[in-house]
Amino acid sequence: MKKIIGTAGTILVLLVPVGVDAQEAEVTANAGWVSQYYYRGILQKTSSASAGLDVGVGALYLGTWAADVGDGSEVDLYGGFGVELDQLSLSAGGTAYLYTHEFDDTYIEANLGAGYGPISVDFAIGSYRTDPEDQSYWFLGLTAEGGGWYGTFGSFGDEFDGSYGEAGYGFSAADLDFSISAILSDESLSGHHNAAGDATEEVTLVFGVSKTFGLN
């Protein structure tokens, strides 16, 4: 994973516009661990470590993030633009979800985001690059947060299906960020079945710890 992060990080730094003074760029790194790695209500791996690198220059942001998914690694590459006007925030960008070994195939997304005060909305239109043919999907997420608490509802559409709800709390102590959350995945996302073989909902409790480092 260190080699993947290092290579992707070098590429990201090189992508920062040549004419931008180095002091104008904000570079941060992060590392973390979760008891169960869920993404959009879908379990990826129990006990997963991760690391990432982000570069911000004005409204431009670029980043990479990698996580242990057991049979290989997930490596994300993303970038875009984000602006804030008082309580209003807007963003547009793209994300590539890449995997080593045989864990999964590639996902490519266009991402849009908007927020006002404690409420934010994320929308993604994606293509799942897999055999025998690509699949199209969209994802819509709505989040409310305040005082360290947050709640999220997310749902898939088009050729993907399923929805989930997540509620959690985050806090900082001893220069570390801690989180605890409960995730309710519906029968399309949970991967669980009852004794009769029917798909069922699943509630999972997740603990996490992470740290962000400034590199400039």
N, C-alpha and C. Protein backbone atom coordinates (compact mmCIF):
# COMPACT_ATOMS: atom_id res chain seq x y z
N MET A 1 0.83 -1.21 0.00
CA MET A 1 0.00 0.00 0.00
C MET A 1 0.86 1.26 0.00
N LYS A 2 2.01 1.25 0.73
CA LYS A 2 2.89 2.41 0.77
C LYS A 2 3.39 2.77 -0.63
N LYS A 3 3.73 1.74 -1.43
CA LYS A 3 4.22 1.99 -2.78
C LYS A 3 3.12 2.62 -3.64
N ILE A 4 1.87 2.12 -3.50
CA ILE A 4 0.75 2.66 -4.27
C ILE A 4 0.50 4.11 -3.90
N ILE A 5 0.44 4.39 -2.57
CA ILE A 5 0.21 5.75 -2.10
C ILE A 5 1.31 6.68 -2.57
N GLY A 6 2.58 6.22 -2.48
CA GLY A 6 3.70 7.06 -2.87
C GLY A 6 3.67 7.41 -4.34
N THR A 7 3.37 6.45 -5.21
CA THR A 7 3.30 6.69 -6.64
C THR A 7 2.15 7.63 -6.99
N ALA A 8 0.98 7.36 -6.43
CA ALA A 8 -0.18 8.21 -6.70
C ALA A 8 0.05 9.61 -6.17
N GLY A 9 0.69 9.72 -5.00
CA GLY A 9 0.97 11.03 -4.43
C GLY A 9 1.89 11.85 -5.30
N THR A 10 2.92 11.21 -5.87
CA THR A 10 3.84 11.91 -6.77
C THR A 10 3.11 12.45 -7.98
N ILE A 11 2.21 11.64 -8.54
CA ILE A 11 1.43 12.08 -9.69
C ILE A 11 0.57 13.28 -9.34
N LEU A 12 -0.06 13.24 -8.16
CA LEU A 12 -0.94 14.33 -7.75
C LEU A 12 -0.17 15.63 -7.60
N VAL A 13 1.00 15.56 -6.99
CA VAL A 13 1.82 16.77 -6.83
C VAL A 13 2.22 17.34 -8.18
N LEU A 14 2.54 16.48 -9.14
CA LEU A 14 2.92 16.94 -10.46
C LEU A 14 1.75 17.56 -11.21
N LEU A 15 0.52 17.19 -10.82
CA LEU A 15 -0.65 17.72 -11.49
C LEU A 15 -1.00 19.14 -11.04
N VAL A 16 -0.45 19.59 -9.91
CA VAL A 16 -0.71 20.95 -9.45
C VAL A 16 -0.17 21.93 -10.49
N PRO A 17 -0.94 22.92 -10.89
CA PRO A 17 -0.51 23.85 -11.94
C PRO A 17 0.90 24.38 -11.71
N VAL A 18 1.70 24.38 -12.79
CA VAL A 18 3.11 24.76 -12.70
C VAL A 18 3.27 26.19 -12.22
N GLY A 19 2.36 27.07 -12.57
CA GLY A 19 2.50 28.48 -12.23
C GLY A 19 2.12 28.81 -10.81
N VAL A 20 1.67 27.84 -10.02
CA VAL A 20 1.22 28.13 -8.66
C VAL A 20 2.40 28.07 -7.70
N ASP A 21 2.56 29.10 -6.88
CA ASP A 21 3.61 29.12 -5.88
C ASP A 21 3.39 27.99 -4.89
N ALA A 22 4.48 27.29 -4.50
CA ALA A 22 4.36 26.14 -3.61
C ALA A 22 3.71 26.50 -2.29
N GLN A 23 3.89 27.75 -1.83
CA GLN A 23 3.31 28.16 -0.56
C GLN A 23 1.79 28.28 -0.62
N GLU A 24 1.23 28.35 -1.83
CA GLU A 24 -0.21 28.47 -1.97
C GLU A 24 -0.89 27.11 -1.90
N ALA A 25 -0.15 26.03 -2.03
CA ALA A 25 -0.72 24.69 -2.00
C ALA A 25 -0.74 24.16 -0.57
N GLU A 26 -1.86 23.56 -0.18
CA GLU A 26 -1.98 22.91 1.12
C GLU A 26 -1.93 21.40 0.91
N VAL A 27 -0.94 20.76 1.52
CA VAL A 27 -0.75 19.32 1.35
C VAL A 27 -0.95 18.63 2.70
N THR A 28 -1.83 17.66 2.74
CA THR A 28 -2.08 16.90 3.97
C THR A 28 -2.08 15.41 3.67
N ALA A 29 -1.73 14.64 4.68
CA ALA A 29 -1.78 13.18 4.59
C ALA A 29 -2.66 12.68 5.72
N ASN A 30 -3.18 11.49 5.56
CA ASN A 30 -4.04 10.91 6.60
C ASN A 30 -3.83 9.40 6.68
N ALA A 31 -4.06 8.87 7.87
CA ALA A 31 -3.98 7.42 8.08
C ALA A 31 -5.08 7.05 9.07
N GLY A 32 -5.64 5.86 8.92
CA GLY A 32 -6.72 5.48 9.81
C GLY A 32 -6.98 3.99 9.83
N TRP A 33 -7.92 3.63 10.70
CA TRP A 33 -8.34 2.22 10.84
C TRP A 33 -9.81 2.21 11.24
N VAL A 34 -10.57 1.26 10.69
CA VAL A 34 -11.97 1.05 11.08
C VAL A 34 -12.18 -0.42 11.40
N SER A 35 -13.07 -0.66 12.35
CA SER A 35 -13.36 -2.04 12.73
C SER A 35 -14.03 -2.81 11.60
N GLN A 36 -14.83 -2.10 10.80
CA GLN A 36 -15.41 -2.67 9.59
C GLN A 36 -15.50 -1.56 8.55
N TYR A 37 -14.94 -1.80 7.38
CA TYR A 37 -14.92 -0.81 6.33
C TYR A 37 -16.20 -0.94 5.49
N TYR A 38 -17.11 0.02 5.68
CA TYR A 38 -18.32 0.11 4.88
C TYR A 38 -18.21 1.31 3.96
N TYR A 39 -18.72 1.18 2.75
CA TYR A 39 -18.82 2.33 1.86
C TYR A 39 -20.19 2.32 1.23
N ARG A 40 -20.93 3.39 1.44
CA ARG A 40 -22.29 3.52 0.92
C ARG A 40 -23.15 2.32 1.30
N GLY A 41 -23.00 1.89 2.54
CA GLY A 41 -23.83 0.82 3.07
C GLY A 41 -23.40 -0.58 2.71
N ILE A 42 -22.26 -0.73 2.04
CA ILE A 42 -21.80 -2.05 1.58
C ILE A 42 -20.50 -2.41 2.31
N LEU A 43 -20.46 -3.59 2.91
CA LEU A 43 -19.26 -4.04 3.61
C LEU A 43 -18.15 -4.36 2.61
N GLN A 44 -16.96 -3.76 2.83
CA GLN A 44 -15.79 -4.06 2.01
C GLN A 44 -14.85 -5.03 2.71
N LYS A 45 -14.60 -4.80 4.02
CA LYS A 45 -13.71 -5.68 4.77
C LYS A 45 -13.85 -5.41 6.26
N THR A 46 -13.75 -6.47 7.06
CA THR A 46 -13.68 -6.33 8.50
C THR A 46 -12.26 -5.99 8.90
N SER A 47 -12.08 -4.96 9.72
CA SER A 47 -10.78 -4.47 10.18
C SER A 47 -9.93 -4.04 8.99
N SER A 48 -9.95 -2.76 8.69
CA SER A 48 -9.26 -2.25 7.51
C SER A 48 -8.46 -1.00 7.84
N ALA A 49 -7.21 -0.97 7.41
CA ALA A 49 -6.35 0.20 7.55
C ALA A 49 -6.35 0.99 6.24
N SER A 50 -6.12 2.30 6.33
CA SER A 50 -6.15 3.14 5.15
C SER A 50 -5.14 4.27 5.28
N ALA A 51 -4.83 4.90 4.15
CA ALA A 51 -3.94 6.05 4.13
C ALA A 51 -4.24 6.88 2.89
N GLY A 52 -4.00 8.20 2.98
CA GLY A 52 -4.32 9.05 1.85
C GLY A 52 -3.47 10.30 1.80
N LEU A 53 -3.56 11.02 0.68
CA LEU A 53 -2.83 12.25 0.46
C LEU A 53 -3.72 13.22 -0.29
N ASP A 54 -3.77 14.49 0.17
CA ASP A 54 -4.61 15.50 -0.47
C ASP A 54 -3.81 16.76 -0.75
N VAL A 55 -4.07 17.37 -1.91
CA VAL A 55 -3.44 18.63 -2.30
C VAL A 55 -4.54 19.62 -2.65
N GLY A 56 -4.53 20.79 -2.01
CA GLY A 56 -5.50 21.82 -2.31
C GLY A 56 -4.82 23.10 -2.74
N VAL A 57 -5.28 23.67 -3.85
CA VAL A 57 -4.74 24.93 -4.35
C VAL A 57 -5.93 25.83 -4.69
N GLY A 58 -6.26 26.77 -3.82
CA GLY A 58 -7.43 27.59 -4.04
C GLY A 58 -8.67 26.72 -4.06
N ALA A 59 -9.44 26.82 -5.14
CA ALA A 59 -10.67 26.03 -5.27
C ALA A 59 -10.40 24.62 -5.79
N LEU A 60 -9.18 24.34 -6.25
CA LEU A 60 -8.84 23.04 -6.82
C LEU A 60 -8.42 22.07 -5.73
N TYR A 61 -8.89 20.83 -5.82
CA TYR A 61 -8.41 19.79 -4.91
C TYR A 61 -8.12 18.52 -5.70
N LEU A 62 -7.07 17.82 -5.27
CA LEU A 62 -6.68 16.54 -5.84
C LEU A 62 -6.34 15.61 -4.69
N GLY A 63 -6.61 14.33 -4.84
CA GLY A 63 -6.31 13.43 -3.74
C GLY A 63 -6.24 11.99 -4.16
N THR A 64 -5.66 11.19 -3.28
CA THR A 64 -5.63 9.75 -3.45
C THR A 64 -5.81 9.11 -2.08
N TRP A 65 -6.44 7.95 -2.06
CA TRP A 65 -6.73 7.26 -0.81
C TRP A 65 -6.71 5.77 -1.09
N ALA A 66 -6.11 5.00 -0.18
CA ALA A 66 -6.03 3.56 -0.37
C ALA A 66 -6.41 2.84 0.90
N ALA A 67 -7.06 1.67 0.75
CA ALA A 67 -7.51 0.90 1.90
C ALA A 67 -7.27 -0.58 1.65
N ASP A 68 -7.02 -1.30 2.73
CA ASP A 68 -6.88 -2.75 2.68
C ASP A 68 -8.26 -3.37 2.55
N VAL A 69 -8.47 -4.15 1.49
CA VAL A 69 -9.75 -4.84 1.31
C VAL A 69 -9.57 -6.36 1.30
N GLY A 70 -8.48 -6.82 1.91
CA GLY A 70 -8.26 -8.26 2.03
C GLY A 70 -7.58 -8.84 0.81
N ASP A 71 -8.33 -9.08 -0.24
CA ASP A 71 -7.77 -9.61 -1.49
C ASP A 71 -7.28 -8.43 -2.34
N GLY A 72 -6.22 -7.79 -1.88
CA GLY A 72 -5.69 -6.63 -2.59
C GLY A 72 -6.00 -5.34 -1.88
N SER A 73 -5.92 -4.23 -2.62
CA SER A 73 -6.16 -2.89 -2.07
C SER A 73 -7.13 -2.13 -2.95
N GLU A 74 -7.88 -1.26 -2.32
CA GLU A 74 -8.68 -0.26 -3.05
C GLU A 74 -7.84 1.00 -3.14
N VAL A 75 -7.75 1.58 -4.33
CA VAL A 75 -7.01 2.83 -4.53
C VAL A 75 -7.93 3.81 -5.23
N ASP A 76 -8.22 4.92 -4.58
CA ASP A 76 -9.09 5.95 -5.15
C ASP A 76 -8.27 7.14 -5.61
N LEU A 77 -8.62 7.67 -6.76
CA LEU A 77 -8.05 8.91 -7.28
C LEU A 77 -9.19 9.88 -7.53
N TYR A 78 -9.07 11.12 -7.04
CA TYR A 78 -10.18 12.05 -7.18
C TYR A 78 -9.66 13.47 -7.32
N GLY A 79 -10.50 14.32 -7.85
CA GLY A 79 -10.13 15.72 -8.01
C GLY A 79 -11.34 16.53 -8.40
N GLY A 80 -11.23 17.85 -8.29
CA GLY A 80 -12.34 18.71 -8.66
C GLY A 80 -12.16 20.11 -8.13
N PHE A 81 -13.28 20.85 -8.07
CA PHE A 81 -13.29 22.22 -7.59
C PHE A 81 -14.37 22.38 -6.53
N GLY A 82 -14.09 23.17 -5.52
CA GLY A 82 -15.08 23.45 -4.48
C GLY A 82 -15.02 24.89 -4.05
N VAL A 83 -16.17 25.51 -3.84
CA VAL A 83 -16.24 26.91 -3.41
C VAL A 83 -17.19 27.02 -2.22
N GLU A 84 -16.95 28.01 -1.38
CA GLU A 84 -17.81 28.28 -0.23
C GLU A 84 -18.22 29.75 -0.25
N LEU A 85 -19.52 29.99 -0.13
CA LEU A 85 -20.07 31.34 -0.10
C LEU A 85 -20.95 31.44 1.13
N ASP A 86 -20.41 32.05 2.20
CA ASP A 86 -21.10 32.09 3.49
C ASP A 86 -21.44 30.66 3.92
N GLN A 87 -22.72 30.32 4.07
CA GLN A 87 -23.10 28.98 4.49
C GLN A 87 -23.29 28.01 3.32
N LEU A 88 -23.17 28.51 2.10
CA LEU A 88 -23.38 27.69 0.91
C LEU A 88 -22.06 27.14 0.40
N SER A 89 -22.02 25.83 0.11
CA SER A 89 -20.83 25.20 -0.49
C SER A 89 -21.26 24.43 -1.73
N LEU A 90 -20.41 24.49 -2.77
CA LEU A 90 -20.67 23.80 -4.03
C LEU A 90 -19.39 23.11 -4.48
N SER A 91 -19.53 21.93 -5.08
CA SER A 91 -18.35 21.22 -5.59
C SER A 91 -18.72 20.39 -6.81
N ALA A 92 -17.73 20.15 -7.66
CA ALA A 92 -17.89 19.31 -8.84
C ALA A 92 -16.54 18.65 -9.11
N GLY A 93 -16.58 17.37 -9.44
CA GLY A 93 -15.32 16.66 -9.69
C GLY A 93 -15.55 15.26 -10.20
N GLY A 94 -14.55 14.43 -10.03
CA GLY A 94 -14.63 13.05 -10.50
C GLY A 94 -13.81 12.14 -9.62
N THR A 95 -14.17 10.84 -9.62
CA THR A 95 -13.49 9.85 -8.79
C THR A 95 -13.32 8.56 -9.57
N ALA A 96 -12.15 7.94 -9.43
CA ALA A 96 -11.89 6.61 -9.97
C ALA A 96 -11.60 5.68 -8.81
N TYR A 97 -12.36 4.58 -8.72
CA TYR A 97 -12.15 3.56 -7.70
C TYR A 97 -11.47 2.37 -8.37
N LEU A 98 -10.22 2.14 -8.01
CA LEU A 98 -9.41 1.11 -8.64
C LEU A 98 -9.07 0.03 -7.62
N TYR A 99 -8.86 -1.21 -8.09
CA TYR A 99 -8.60 -2.32 -7.17
C TYR A 99 -7.46 -3.19 -7.71
N THR A 100 -6.60 -3.62 -6.78
CA THR A 100 -5.55 -4.56 -7.15
C THR A 100 -6.07 -5.98 -6.95
N HIS A 101 -5.41 -6.94 -7.59
CA HIS A 101 -5.79 -8.35 -7.53
C HIS A 101 -7.22 -8.54 -8.01
N GLU A 102 -8.02 -9.38 -7.37
CA GLU A 102 -9.32 -9.76 -7.89
C GLU A 102 -10.48 -9.30 -7.03
N PHE A 103 -10.28 -8.27 -6.19
CA PHE A 103 -11.36 -7.88 -5.28
C PHE A 103 -12.58 -7.35 -6.03
N ASP A 104 -12.37 -6.47 -7.01
CA ASP A 104 -13.49 -5.87 -7.73
C ASP A 104 -12.96 -5.28 -9.03
N ASP A 105 -13.90 -4.76 -9.85
CA ASP A 105 -13.52 -4.07 -11.08
C ASP A 105 -13.51 -2.56 -10.84
N THR A 106 -13.42 -1.78 -11.90
CA THR A 106 -13.22 -0.34 -11.79
C THR A 106 -14.54 0.43 -11.84
N TYR A 107 -14.64 1.45 -10.99
CA TYR A 107 -15.78 2.37 -11.00
C TYR A 107 -15.26 3.76 -11.36
N ILE A 108 -15.94 4.44 -12.28
CA ILE A 108 -15.60 5.81 -12.66
C ILE A 108 -16.83 6.68 -12.43
N GLU A 109 -16.67 7.78 -11.67
CA GLU A 109 -17.81 8.62 -11.32
C GLU A 109 -17.58 10.09 -11.62
N ALA A 110 -18.67 10.78 -11.96
CA ALA A 110 -18.73 12.25 -11.93
C ALA A 110 -19.49 12.61 -10.66
N ASN A 111 -18.94 13.55 -9.88
CA ASN A 111 -19.50 13.88 -8.57
C ASN A 111 -19.93 15.34 -8.48
N LEU A 112 -21.10 15.57 -7.89
CA LEU A 112 -21.60 16.90 -7.62
C LEU A 112 -21.98 16.99 -6.15
N GLY A 113 -21.71 18.12 -5.52
CA GLY A 113 -22.05 18.29 -4.12
C GLY A 113 -22.54 19.69 -3.83
N ALA A 114 -23.45 19.80 -2.87
CA ALA A 114 -23.96 21.10 -2.44
C ALA A 114 -24.30 21.01 -0.96
N GLY A 115 -24.07 22.10 -0.25
CA GLY A 115 -24.38 22.13 1.17
C GLY A 115 -24.83 23.50 1.60
N TYR A 116 -25.69 23.52 2.62
CA TYR A 116 -26.11 24.79 3.20
C TYR A 116 -26.23 24.59 4.70
N GLY A 117 -25.38 25.28 5.46
CA GLY A 117 -25.38 25.07 6.90
C GLY A 117 -25.07 23.62 7.24
N PRO A 118 -25.91 22.96 8.03
CA PRO A 118 -25.62 21.58 8.47
C PRO A 118 -26.08 20.51 7.49
N ILE A 119 -26.70 20.92 6.37
CA ILE A 119 -27.26 19.96 5.42
C ILE A 119 -26.40 19.91 4.15
N SER A 120 -26.10 18.71 3.67
CA SER A 120 -25.35 18.56 2.43
C SER A 120 -25.93 17.44 1.58
N VAL A 121 -25.79 17.59 0.28
CA VAL A 121 -26.28 16.60 -0.69
C VAL A 121 -25.13 16.23 -1.62
N ASP A 122 -24.96 14.93 -1.86
CA ASP A 122 -23.95 14.44 -2.80
C ASP A 122 -24.64 13.60 -3.87
N PHE A 123 -24.26 13.84 -5.12
CA PHE A 123 -24.84 13.09 -6.23
C PHE A 123 -23.72 12.61 -7.13
N ALA A 124 -23.78 11.34 -7.51
CA ALA A 124 -22.76 10.75 -8.38
C ALA A 124 -23.42 10.00 -9.53
N ILE A 125 -22.86 10.14 -10.71
CA ILE A 125 -23.25 9.35 -11.87
C ILE A 125 -22.04 8.52 -12.24
N GLY A 126 -22.21 7.18 -12.26
CA GLY A 126 -21.05 6.32 -12.44
C GLY A 126 -21.19 5.25 -13.50
N SER A 127 -20.04 4.69 -13.84
CA SER A 127 -19.96 3.56 -14.76
C SER A 127 -19.12 2.48 -14.11
N TYR A 128 -19.67 1.27 -14.03
CA TYR A 128 -18.97 0.12 -13.45
C TYR A 128 -18.38 -0.67 -14.60
N ARG A 129 -17.05 -0.66 -14.71
CA ARG A 129 -16.35 -1.28 -15.84
C ARG A 129 -16.11 -2.76 -15.56
N THR A 130 -17.01 -3.60 -16.01
CA THR A 130 -16.92 -5.02 -15.72
C THR A 130 -17.40 -5.84 -16.91
N ASP A 131 -17.01 -7.11 -16.95
CA ASP A 131 -17.47 -8.02 -18.01
C ASP A 131 -18.83 -8.59 -17.63
N PRO A 132 -19.72 -8.91 -18.56
CA PRO A 132 -19.49 -8.80 -20.01
C PRO A 132 -19.72 -7.40 -20.57
N GLU A 133 -20.37 -6.51 -19.81
CA GLU A 133 -20.58 -5.14 -20.28
C GLU A 133 -20.64 -4.20 -19.10
N ASP A 134 -20.37 -2.91 -19.38
CA ASP A 134 -20.40 -1.91 -18.32
C ASP A 134 -21.82 -1.72 -17.79
N GLN A 135 -21.91 -1.30 -16.53
CA GLN A 135 -23.19 -0.98 -15.92
C GLN A 135 -23.20 0.48 -15.51
N SER A 136 -24.34 1.13 -15.67
CA SER A 136 -24.50 2.53 -15.29
C SER A 136 -25.26 2.61 -13.97
N TYR A 137 -24.93 3.60 -13.15
CA TYR A 137 -25.62 3.77 -11.88
C TYR A 137 -25.56 5.23 -11.44
N TRP A 138 -26.42 5.55 -10.49
CA TRP A 138 -26.29 6.84 -9.82
C TRP A 138 -26.43 6.62 -8.32
N PHE A 139 -25.90 7.56 -7.56
CA PHE A 139 -25.99 7.51 -6.11
C PHE A 139 -26.35 8.89 -5.58
N LEU A 140 -27.29 8.93 -4.64
CA LEU A 140 -27.70 10.17 -4.01
C LEU A 140 -27.58 10.02 -2.50
N GLY A 141 -26.85 10.94 -1.87
CA GLY A 141 -26.67 10.91 -0.42
C GLY A 141 -27.07 12.23 0.21
N LEU A 142 -27.80 12.18 1.32
CA LEU A 142 -28.23 13.36 2.06
C LEU A 142 -27.70 13.25 3.49
N THR A 143 -26.98 14.26 3.95
CA THR A 143 -26.35 14.23 5.28
C THR A 143 -26.72 15.47 6.08
N ALA A 144 -27.01 15.27 7.37
CA ALA A 144 -27.21 16.36 8.32
C ALA A 144 -26.23 16.17 9.46
N GLU A 145 -25.59 17.25 9.91
CA GLU A 145 -24.59 17.12 10.96
C GLU A 145 -24.57 18.35 11.85
N GLY A 146 -24.08 18.13 13.09
CA GLY A 146 -23.97 19.22 14.03
C GLY A 146 -23.52 18.72 15.39
N GLY A 147 -22.61 19.45 16.04
CA GLY A 147 -22.15 19.09 17.36
C GLY A 147 -21.45 17.76 17.44
N GLY A 148 -20.80 17.35 16.34
CA GLY A 148 -20.11 16.06 16.32
C GLY A 148 -20.98 14.93 15.84
N TRP A 149 -22.32 15.11 15.82
CA TRP A 149 -23.24 14.08 15.36
C TRP A 149 -23.52 14.23 13.87
N TYR A 150 -23.86 13.12 13.22
CA TYR A 150 -24.27 13.19 11.82
C TYR A 150 -25.23 12.05 11.50
N GLY A 151 -26.02 12.27 10.48
CA GLY A 151 -26.91 11.24 9.98
C GLY A 151 -26.92 11.29 8.47
N THR A 152 -26.88 10.13 7.82
CA THR A 152 -26.83 10.06 6.36
C THR A 152 -27.85 9.05 5.84
N PHE A 153 -28.52 9.41 4.76
CA PHE A 153 -29.34 8.46 4.01
C PHE A 153 -28.81 8.43 2.59
N GLY A 154 -28.55 7.24 2.05
CA GLY A 154 -28.04 7.11 0.70
C GLY A 154 -28.81 6.06 -0.09
N SER A 155 -28.92 6.28 -1.40
CA SER A 155 -29.67 5.34 -2.24
C SER A 155 -29.05 5.27 -3.63
N PHE A 156 -29.06 4.05 -4.21
CA PHE A 156 -28.58 3.81 -5.57
C PHE A 156 -29.76 3.75 -6.54
N GLY A 157 -29.46 4.01 -7.82
CA GLY A 157 -30.47 3.90 -8.86
C GLY A 157 -29.87 3.47 -10.18
N ASP A 158 -30.70 3.39 -11.21
CA ASP A 158 -30.36 2.91 -12.55
C ASP A 158 -30.13 1.40 -12.48
N GLU A 159 -28.94 0.90 -12.87
CA GLU A 159 -28.70 -0.54 -12.87
C GLU A 159 -28.23 -1.07 -11.52
N PHE A 160 -28.00 -0.18 -10.54
CA PHE A 160 -27.71 -0.57 -9.16
C PHE A 160 -28.96 -0.35 -8.32
N ASP A 161 -29.05 -1.04 -7.20
CA ASP A 161 -30.22 -0.92 -6.35
C ASP A 161 -29.79 -1.00 -4.89
N GLY A 162 -30.57 -0.38 -4.02
CA GLY A 162 -30.31 -0.48 -2.59
C GLY A 162 -30.21 0.87 -1.92
N SER A 163 -30.43 0.89 -0.61
CA SER A 163 -30.31 2.11 0.17
C SER A 163 -29.83 1.77 1.58
N TYR A 164 -29.36 2.78 2.29
CA TYR A 164 -28.87 2.57 3.64
C TYR A 164 -29.04 3.84 4.45
N GLY A 165 -28.99 3.69 5.77
CA GLY A 165 -28.98 4.81 6.69
C GLY A 165 -27.80 4.67 7.64
N GLU A 166 -27.21 5.79 8.01
CA GLU A 166 -26.05 5.77 8.91
C GLU A 166 -26.14 6.93 9.89
N ALA A 167 -25.86 6.65 11.15
CA ALA A 167 -25.84 7.70 12.18
C ALA A 167 -24.59 7.51 13.02
N GLY A 168 -23.94 8.61 13.37
CA GLY A 168 -22.70 8.46 14.13
C GLY A 168 -22.29 9.72 14.85
N TYR A 169 -21.18 9.58 15.58
CA TYR A 169 -20.62 10.67 16.36
C TYR A 169 -19.10 10.63 16.25
N GLY A 170 -18.50 11.80 16.08
CA GLY A 170 -17.05 11.89 16.00
C GLY A 170 -16.49 12.91 16.97
N PHE A 171 -15.30 12.62 17.48
CA PHE A 171 -14.66 13.55 18.42
C PHE A 171 -13.15 13.38 18.32
N SER A 172 -12.43 14.36 18.84
CA SER A 172 -10.97 14.34 18.82
C SER A 172 -10.41 14.26 20.23
N ALA A 173 -9.33 13.51 20.41
CA ALA A 173 -8.65 13.39 21.69
C ALA A 173 -7.23 12.92 21.43
N ALA A 174 -6.26 13.50 22.18
CA ALA A 174 -4.86 13.12 22.07
C ALA A 174 -4.37 13.19 20.62
N ASP A 175 -4.79 14.25 19.91
CA ASP A 175 -4.37 14.48 18.52
C ASP A 175 -4.86 13.41 17.57
N LEU A 176 -5.88 12.65 17.94
CA LEU A 176 -6.48 11.64 17.08
C LEU A 176 -7.96 11.93 16.92
N ASP A 177 -8.53 11.48 15.80
CA ASP A 177 -9.96 11.61 15.55
C ASP A 177 -10.62 10.25 15.72
N PHE A 178 -11.66 10.19 16.54
CA PHE A 178 -12.36 8.94 16.80
C PHE A 178 -13.80 9.03 16.28
N SER A 179 -14.36 7.89 15.90
CA SER A 179 -15.73 7.87 15.42
C SER A 179 -16.41 6.56 15.81
N ILE A 180 -17.72 6.65 15.99
CA ILE A 180 -18.55 5.48 16.21
C ILE A 180 -19.82 5.68 15.41
N SER A 181 -20.27 4.66 14.69
CA SER A 181 -21.45 4.81 13.85
C SER A 181 -22.23 3.51 13.78
N ALA A 182 -23.52 3.65 13.50
CA ALA A 182 -24.40 2.51 13.26
C ALA A 182 -24.90 2.60 11.83
N ILE A 183 -24.82 1.49 11.10
CA ILE A 183 -25.19 1.48 9.68
C ILE A 183 -26.28 0.44 9.47
N LEU A 184 -27.39 0.87 8.87
CA LEU A 184 -28.49 -0.02 8.51
C LEU A 184 -28.50 -0.17 7.00
N SER A 185 -28.13 -1.35 6.51
CA SER A 185 -28.12 -1.64 5.08
C SER A 185 -29.35 -2.45 4.72
N ASP A 186 -30.04 -2.09 3.64
CA ASP A 186 -31.23 -2.85 3.26
C ASP A 186 -30.83 -4.19 2.65
N GLU A 187 -31.81 -4.98 2.28
CA GLU A 187 -31.55 -6.35 1.82
C GLU A 187 -30.74 -6.39 0.53
N SER A 188 -30.75 -5.30 -0.25
CA SER A 188 -29.98 -5.28 -1.49
C SER A 188 -28.50 -5.04 -1.26
N LEU A 189 -28.15 -4.42 -0.12
CA LEU A 189 -26.76 -4.05 0.14
C LEU A 189 -26.10 -4.88 1.24
N SER A 190 -26.88 -5.49 2.13
CA SER A 190 -26.32 -6.11 3.33
C SER A 190 -25.48 -7.35 3.05
N GLY A 191 -25.87 -8.13 2.04
CA GLY A 191 -25.16 -9.39 1.78
C GLY A 191 -25.53 -10.49 2.76
N HIS A 192 -26.54 -10.26 3.62
CA HIS A 192 -26.96 -11.25 4.61
C HIS A 192 -28.25 -11.92 4.19
N HIS A 193 -28.42 -13.18 4.63
CA HIS A 193 -29.61 -13.97 4.30
C HIS A 193 -30.11 -14.69 5.54
N ASN A 194 -31.42 -14.91 5.61
CA ASN A 194 -31.98 -15.67 6.73
C ASN A 194 -31.90 -17.17 6.45
N ALA A 195 -32.46 -17.95 7.36
CA ALA A 195 -32.38 -19.41 7.24
C ALA A 195 -33.04 -19.93 5.97
N ALA A 196 -34.03 -19.18 5.47
CA ALA A 196 -34.72 -19.59 4.25
C ALA A 196 -33.99 -19.16 2.99
N GLY A 197 -32.89 -18.44 3.17
CA GLY A 197 -32.11 -17.99 2.02
C GLY A 197 -32.53 -16.66 1.46
N ASP A 198 -33.47 -15.97 2.15
CA ASP A 198 -33.93 -14.66 1.67
C ASP A 198 -32.99 -13.56 2.17
N ALA A 199 -32.76 -12.55 1.33
CA ALA A 199 -31.92 -11.42 1.72
C ALA A 199 -32.59 -10.63 2.84
N THR A 200 -31.80 -10.18 3.81
CA THR A 200 -32.33 -9.45 4.95
C THR A 200 -31.55 -8.17 5.19
N GLU A 201 -32.16 -7.23 5.94
CA GLU A 201 -31.46 -6.03 6.37
C GLU A 201 -30.41 -6.39 7.42
N GLU A 202 -29.48 -5.47 7.64
CA GLU A 202 -28.43 -5.72 8.63
C GLU A 202 -28.01 -4.41 9.28
N VAL A 203 -27.89 -4.42 10.61
CA VAL A 203 -27.39 -3.26 11.35
C VAL A 203 -25.99 -3.58 11.87
N THR A 204 -25.05 -2.67 11.65
CA THR A 204 -23.66 -2.89 12.04
C THR A 204 -23.14 -1.69 12.81
N LEU A 205 -22.37 -1.95 13.87
CA LEU A 205 -21.72 -0.91 14.65
C LEU A 205 -20.25 -0.84 14.23
N VAL A 206 -19.77 0.36 13.93
CA VAL A 206 -18.42 0.54 13.40
C VAL A 206 -17.66 1.55 14.27
N PHE A 207 -16.42 1.20 14.62
CA PHE A 207 -15.52 2.08 15.35
C PHE A 207 -14.36 2.47 14.44
N GLY A 208 -13.88 3.71 14.57
CA GLY A 208 -12.77 4.15 13.74
C GLY A 208 -11.86 5.13 14.45
N VAL A 209 -10.60 5.17 14.02
CA VAL A 209 -9.64 6.13 14.54
C VAL A 209 -8.77 6.59 13.37
N SER A 210 -8.43 7.87 13.33
CA SER A 210 -7.65 8.40 12.21
C SER A 210 -6.84 9.61 12.67
N LYS A 211 -5.88 10.00 11.84
CA LYS A 211 -5.07 11.18 12.11
C LYS A 211 -4.72 11.85 10.79
N THR A 212 -4.78 13.18 10.77
CA THR A 212 -4.42 13.96 9.60
C THR A 212 -3.16 14.76 9.88
N PHE A 213 -2.23 14.76 8.92
CA PHE A 213 -0.95 15.43 9.09
C PHE A 213 -0.81 16.53 8.06
N GLY A 214 -0.39 17.73 8.50
CA GLY A 214 -0.05 18.78 7.55
C GLY A 214 1.38 18.56 7.06
N LEU A 215 1.59 18.65 5.74
CA LEU A 215 2.91 18.38 5.16
C LEU A 215 3.60 19.62 4.64
N ASN A 216 3.04 20.81 4.87
CA ASN A 216 3.72 22.03 4.45
C ASN A 216 3.45 23.16 5.43
